[in-house]
Amino acid sequence: MGLHSATWRIHASAVDDLGLLEGSLRWLAGDGCELTTERGKSWHGSPQTIIQARVSRKKAARESLARLGGAALASLVEDGLAKRIDEDKVMHVRVELAKLVQGEVRLSPDGHSGATAKGQFKIEAYPGSDPADVMNDTIRSLLSVE
């Protein structure tokens, strides 16, 4: 067991460098990601672009999670994974966008008001198994490889 898929999403304003954001998101999602962009308007009416990178293969999803790095993965486990997992067995994470475009991955702390890249990891958990336990095992196996 582990992950089914991963999705990363950035909401970019009209003044953001889309090429830089797409490159950063493509790196974070890893090889084999499907990158899509959707232009529209934000809640307040200003132009925005939603950039999304989707990884649908299990191995690639696991590699995308590993790109968070050892410190971030250890922090996820330490803080408790259960609060990040929803009823659909999806784990949610946010990465500071300003750091990501500089080549650094840093989890966004609670209350962070800056721009983020939002990650969703679909957990491969079946009846009788706890999604938080599956993610703990998955992350610990990634940490043992580093």
C-alpha atoms as a PDB file:
ATOM      1  CA  MET A   1       0.000   0.000   0.000  1.00  0.00           C
ATOM      2  CA  GLY A   2       0.994   3.634  -0.346  1.00  0.00           C
ATOM      3  CA  LEU A   3      -0.303   6.233  -2.773  1.00  0.00           C
ATOM      4  CA  HIS A   4      -2.605   6.113  -5.774  1.00  0.00           C
ATOM      5  CA  SER A   5      -1.863   9.589  -7.155  1.00  0.00           C
ATOM      6  CA  ALA A   6      -0.657  13.105  -6.400  1.00  0.00           C
ATOM      7  CA  THR A   7      -1.900  16.518  -7.480  1.00  0.00           C
ATOM      8  CA  TRP A   8      -0.183  19.863  -7.000  1.00  0.00           C
ATOM      9  CA  ARG A   9      -1.960  23.168  -7.612  1.00  0.00           C
ATOM     10  CA  ILE A  10      -0.938  26.836  -7.673  1.00  0.00           C
ATOM     11  CA  HIS A  11      -3.256  29.827  -7.978  1.00  0.00           C
ATOM     12  CA  ALA A  12      -1.264  32.523  -9.817  1.00  0.00           C
ATOM     13  CA  SER A  13      -2.151  36.164 -10.219  1.00  0.00           C
ATOM     14  CA  ALA A  14      -1.797  38.176 -13.423  1.00  0.00           C
ATOM     15  CA  VAL A  15       1.569  39.557 -12.276  1.00  0.00           C
ATOM     16  CA  ASP A  16       3.167  36.172 -11.463  1.00  0.00           C
ATOM     17  CA  ASP A  17       5.810  34.634 -13.731  1.00  0.00           C
ATOM     18  CA  LEU A  18       3.872  31.652 -15.075  1.00  0.00           C
ATOM     19  CA  GLY A  19       6.944  30.041 -16.635  1.00  0.00           C
ATOM     20  CA  LEU A  20       8.778  30.060 -13.313  1.00  0.00           C
ATOM     21  CA  LEU A  21       5.752  28.694 -11.454  1.00  0.00           C
ATOM     22  CA  GLU A  22       5.158  25.961 -14.040  1.00  0.00           C
ATOM     23  CA  GLY A  23       8.803  24.900 -13.871  1.00  0.00           C
ATOM     24  CA  SER A  24       8.726  24.782 -10.072  1.00  0.00           C
ATOM     25  CA  LEU A  25       5.499  22.800 -10.053  1.00  0.00           C
ATOM     26  CA  ARG A  26       6.773  20.406 -12.715  1.00  0.00           C
ATOM     27  CA  TRP A  27       9.885  19.754 -10.596  1.00  0.00           C
ATOM     28  CA  LEU A  28       7.819  19.221  -7.426  1.00  0.00           C
ATOM     29  CA  ALA A  29       5.404  16.817  -9.135  1.00  0.00           C
ATOM     30  CA  GLY A  30       8.243  14.917 -10.774  1.00  0.00           C
ATOM     31  CA  ASP A  31       8.643  13.008 -14.008  1.00  0.00           C
ATOM     32  CA  GLY A  32       5.522  11.956 -15.830  1.00  0.00           C
ATOM     33  CA  CYS A  33       3.277  14.697 -14.501  1.00  0.00           C
ATOM     34  CA  GLU A  34       0.450  16.066 -16.587  1.00  0.00           C
ATOM     35  CA  LEU A  35       0.549  19.868 -16.405  1.00  0.00           C
ATOM     36  CA  THR A  36      -2.602  21.892 -17.106  1.00  0.00           C
ATOM     37  CA  THR A  37      -3.379  25.588 -16.886  1.00  0.00           C
ATOM     38  CA  GLU A  38      -6.777  27.199 -16.565  1.00  0.00           C
ATOM     39  CA  ARG A  39      -7.312  30.919 -16.903  1.00  0.00           C
ATOM     40  CA  GLY A  40     -10.175  32.568 -15.101  1.00  0.00           C
ATOM     41  CA  LYS A  41     -11.039  35.124 -12.477  1.00  0.00           C
ATOM     42  CA  SER A  42     -10.459  35.036  -8.742  1.00  0.00           C
ATOM     43  CA  TRP A  43     -13.232  35.353  -6.190  1.00  0.00           C
ATOM     44  CA  HIS A  44     -12.730  39.131  -6.274  1.00  0.00           C
ATOM     45  CA  GLY A  45     -12.755  39.328 -10.085  1.00  0.00           C
ATOM     46  CA  SER A  46      -9.065  39.793 -10.847  1.00  0.00           C
ATOM     47  CA  PRO A  47      -7.461  37.567 -13.517  1.00  0.00           C
ATOM     48  CA  GLN A  48      -5.820  34.394 -12.239  1.00  0.00           C
ATOM     49  CA  THR A  49      -4.344  31.216 -13.622  1.00  0.00           C
ATOM     50  CA  ILE A  50      -4.640  27.838 -11.933  1.00  0.00           C
ATOM     51  CA  ILE A  51      -1.646  25.638 -12.695  1.00  0.00           C
ATOM     52  CA  GLN A  52      -2.090  21.972 -11.857  1.00  0.00           C
ATOM     53  CA  ALA A  53       0.337  19.054 -12.067  1.00  0.00           C
ATOM     54  CA  ARG A  54      -1.164  15.588 -11.752  1.00  0.00           C
ATOM     55  CA  VAL A  55       0.738  12.349 -11.262  1.00  0.00           C
ATOM     56  CA  SER A  56      -1.387   9.254 -11.734  1.00  0.00           C
ATOM     57  CA  ARG A  57       1.162   6.440 -11.387  1.00  0.00           C
ATOM     58  CA  LYS A  58       1.755   5.046  -7.897  1.00  0.00           C
ATOM     59  CA  LYS A  59       5.556   5.105  -8.118  1.00  0.00           C
ATOM     60  CA  ALA A  60       5.591   8.667  -9.474  1.00  0.00           C
ATOM     61  CA  ALA A  61       3.210   9.808  -6.715  1.00  0.00           C
ATOM     62  CA  ARG A  62       5.552   8.334  -4.120  1.00  0.00           C
ATOM     63  CA  GLU A  63       8.508  10.121  -5.757  1.00  0.00           C
ATOM     64  CA  SER A  64       6.572  13.394  -5.680  1.00  0.00           C
ATOM     65  CA  LEU A  65       5.996  12.961  -1.951  1.00  0.00           C
ATOM     66  CA  ALA A  66       9.702  12.214  -1.489  1.00  0.00           C
ATOM     67  CA  ARG A  67      10.573  15.560  -3.147  1.00  0.00           C
ATOM     68  CA  LEU A  68       9.350  17.294  -0.002  1.00  0.00           C
ATOM     69  CA  GLY A  69      12.630  16.205   1.571  1.00  0.00           C
ATOM     70  CA  GLY A  70      13.538  14.512   4.817  1.00  0.00           C
ATOM     71  CA  ALA A  71      12.965  17.488   7.111  1.00  0.00           C
ATOM     72  CA  ALA A  72       9.470  18.180   5.771  1.00  0.00           C
ATOM     73  CA  LEU A  73       8.494  14.502   5.802  1.00  0.00           C
ATOM     74  CA  ALA A  74       9.715  14.084   9.377  1.00  0.00           C
ATOM     75  CA  SER A  75       7.779  17.221  10.349  1.00  0.00           C
ATOM     76  CA  LEU A  76       4.590  15.780   8.824  1.00  0.00           C
ATOM     77  CA  VAL A  77       4.914  12.618  10.910  1.00  0.00           C
ATOM     78  CA  GLU A  78       5.850  14.540  14.048  1.00  0.00           C
ATOM     79  CA  ASP A  79       2.895  16.947  13.747  1.00  0.00           C
ATOM     80  CA  GLY A  80       0.435  14.096  13.197  1.00  0.00           C
ATOM     81  CA  LEU A  81      -0.822  13.006   9.815  1.00  0.00           C
ATOM     82  CA  ALA A  82      -4.423  12.316  10.810  1.00  0.00           C
ATOM     83  CA  LYS A  83      -5.312  16.024  10.825  1.00  0.00           C
ATOM     84  CA  ARG A  84      -4.142  16.324   7.202  1.00  0.00           C
ATOM     85  CA  ILE A  85      -6.233  13.417   5.909  1.00  0.00           C
ATOM     86  CA  ASP A  86      -9.839  13.936   4.839  1.00  0.00           C
ATOM     87  CA  GLU A  87     -12.745  11.497   4.634  1.00  0.00           C
ATOM     88  CA  ASP A  88     -11.828  10.631   1.019  1.00  0.00           C
ATOM     89  CA  LYS A  89      -8.408   9.310   2.130  1.00  0.00           C
ATOM     90  CA  VAL A  90      -6.542  12.302   0.695  1.00  0.00           C
ATOM     91  CA  MET A  91      -3.622  13.889   2.542  1.00  0.00           C
ATOM     92  CA  HIS A  92      -3.308  17.663   2.101  1.00  0.00           C
ATOM     93  CA  VAL A  93      -0.067  19.645   2.336  1.00  0.00           C
ATOM     94  CA  ARG A  94       0.949  23.193   1.485  1.00  0.00           C
ATOM     95  CA  VAL A  95       4.410  24.346   0.454  1.00  0.00           C
ATOM     96  CA  GLU A  96       5.552  27.982   0.597  1.00  0.00           C
ATOM     97  CA  LEU A  97       5.605  29.202  -2.997  1.00  0.00           C
ATOM     98  CA  ALA A  98       8.295  31.850  -2.469  1.00  0.00           C
ATOM     99  CA  LYS A  99      10.711  29.172  -1.233  1.00  0.00           C
ATOM    100  CA  LEU A 100       9.692  26.660  -3.917  1.00  0.00           C
ATOM    101  CA  VAL A 101      10.636  28.987  -6.781  1.00  0.00           C
ATOM    102  CA  GLN A 102      14.036  29.399  -5.091  1.00  0.00           C
ATOM    103  CA  GLY A 103      14.530  25.629  -5.184  1.00  0.00           C
ATOM    104  CA  GLU A 104      13.748  25.034  -1.504  1.00  0.00           C
ATOM    105  CA  VAL A 105      10.811  23.019  -0.194  1.00  0.00           C
ATOM    106  CA  ARG A 106       9.348  24.298   3.053  1.00  0.00           C
ATOM    107  CA  LEU A 107       5.982  23.288   4.471  1.00  0.00           C
ATOM    108  CA  SER A 108       3.678  26.213   5.039  1.00  0.00           C
ATOM    109  CA  PRO A 109       3.081  26.729   8.776  1.00  0.00           C
ATOM    110  CA  ASP A 110      -0.439  27.110  10.165  1.00  0.00           C
ATOM    111  CA  GLY A 111      -1.634  30.673   9.682  1.00  0.00           C
ATOM    112  CA  HIS A 112       0.777  31.370   6.802  1.00  0.00           C
ATOM    113  CA  SER A 113      -0.765  34.117   4.654  1.00  0.00           C
ATOM    114  CA  GLY A 114       1.618  33.930   1.695  1.00  0.00           C
ATOM    115  CA  ALA A 115       1.162  32.093  -1.592  1.00  0.00           C
ATOM    116  CA  THR A 116       1.399  28.297  -1.493  1.00  0.00           C
ATOM    117  CA  ALA A 117       1.522  25.250  -3.709  1.00  0.00           C
ATOM    118  CA  LYS A 118      -1.215  22.896  -2.550  1.00  0.00           C
ATOM    119  CA  GLY A 119      -0.576  19.169  -2.657  1.00  0.00           C
ATOM    120  CA  GLN A 120      -3.072  16.339  -2.462  1.00  0.00           C
ATOM    121  CA  PHE A 121      -1.980  12.720  -2.118  1.00  0.00           C
ATOM    122  CA  LYS A 122      -4.597   9.995  -2.624  1.00  0.00           C
ATOM    123  CA  ILE A 123      -3.829   7.256  -0.108  1.00  0.00           C
ATOM    124  CA  GLU A 124      -4.043   3.598  -1.078  1.00  0.00           C
ATOM    125  CA  ALA A 125      -5.915   2.347   1.980  1.00  0.00           C
ATOM    126  CA  TYR A 126      -8.495  -0.404   2.020  1.00  0.00           C
ATOM    127  CA  PRO A 127     -11.234  -1.335   4.513  1.00  0.00           C
ATOM    128  CA  GLY A 128      -9.699  -2.336   7.794  1.00  0.00           C
ATOM    129  CA  SER A 129      -6.615  -0.149   7.374  1.00  0.00           C
ATOM    130  CA  ASP A 130      -6.213   3.356   8.773  1.00  0.00           C
ATOM    131  CA  PRO A 131      -5.111   5.932   6.141  1.00  0.00           C
ATOM    132  CA  ALA A 132      -2.932   7.714   8.734  1.00  0.00           C
ATOM    133  CA  ASP A 133      -1.102   4.454   9.497  1.00  0.00           C
ATOM    134  CA  VAL A 134      -0.589   3.827   5.773  1.00  0.00           C
ATOM    135  CA  MET A 135       0.888   7.331   5.335  1.00  0.00           C
ATOM    136  CA  ASN A 136       3.077   6.945   8.413  1.00  0.00           C
ATOM    137  CA  ASP A 137       4.481   3.712   6.974  1.00  0.00           C
ATOM    138  CA  THR A 138       4.934   5.270   3.533  1.00  0.00           C
ATOM    139  CA  ILE A 139       6.768   8.310   4.880  1.00  0.00           C
ATOM    140  CA  ARG A 140       8.928   6.259   7.235  1.00  0.00           C
ATOM    141  CA  SER A 141       9.969   4.041   4.314  1.00  0.00           C
ATOM    142  CA  LEU A 142      10.911   7.185   2.342  1.00  0.00           C
ATOM    143  CA  LEU A 143      12.916   8.506   5.288  1.00  0.00           C
ATOM    144  CA  SER A 144      14.814   5.218   5.636  1.00  0.00           C
ATOM    145  CA  VAL A 145      15.929   5.479   1.984  1.00  0.00           C
ATOM    146  CA  GLU A 146      17.457   8.954   2.418  1.00  0.00           C
END
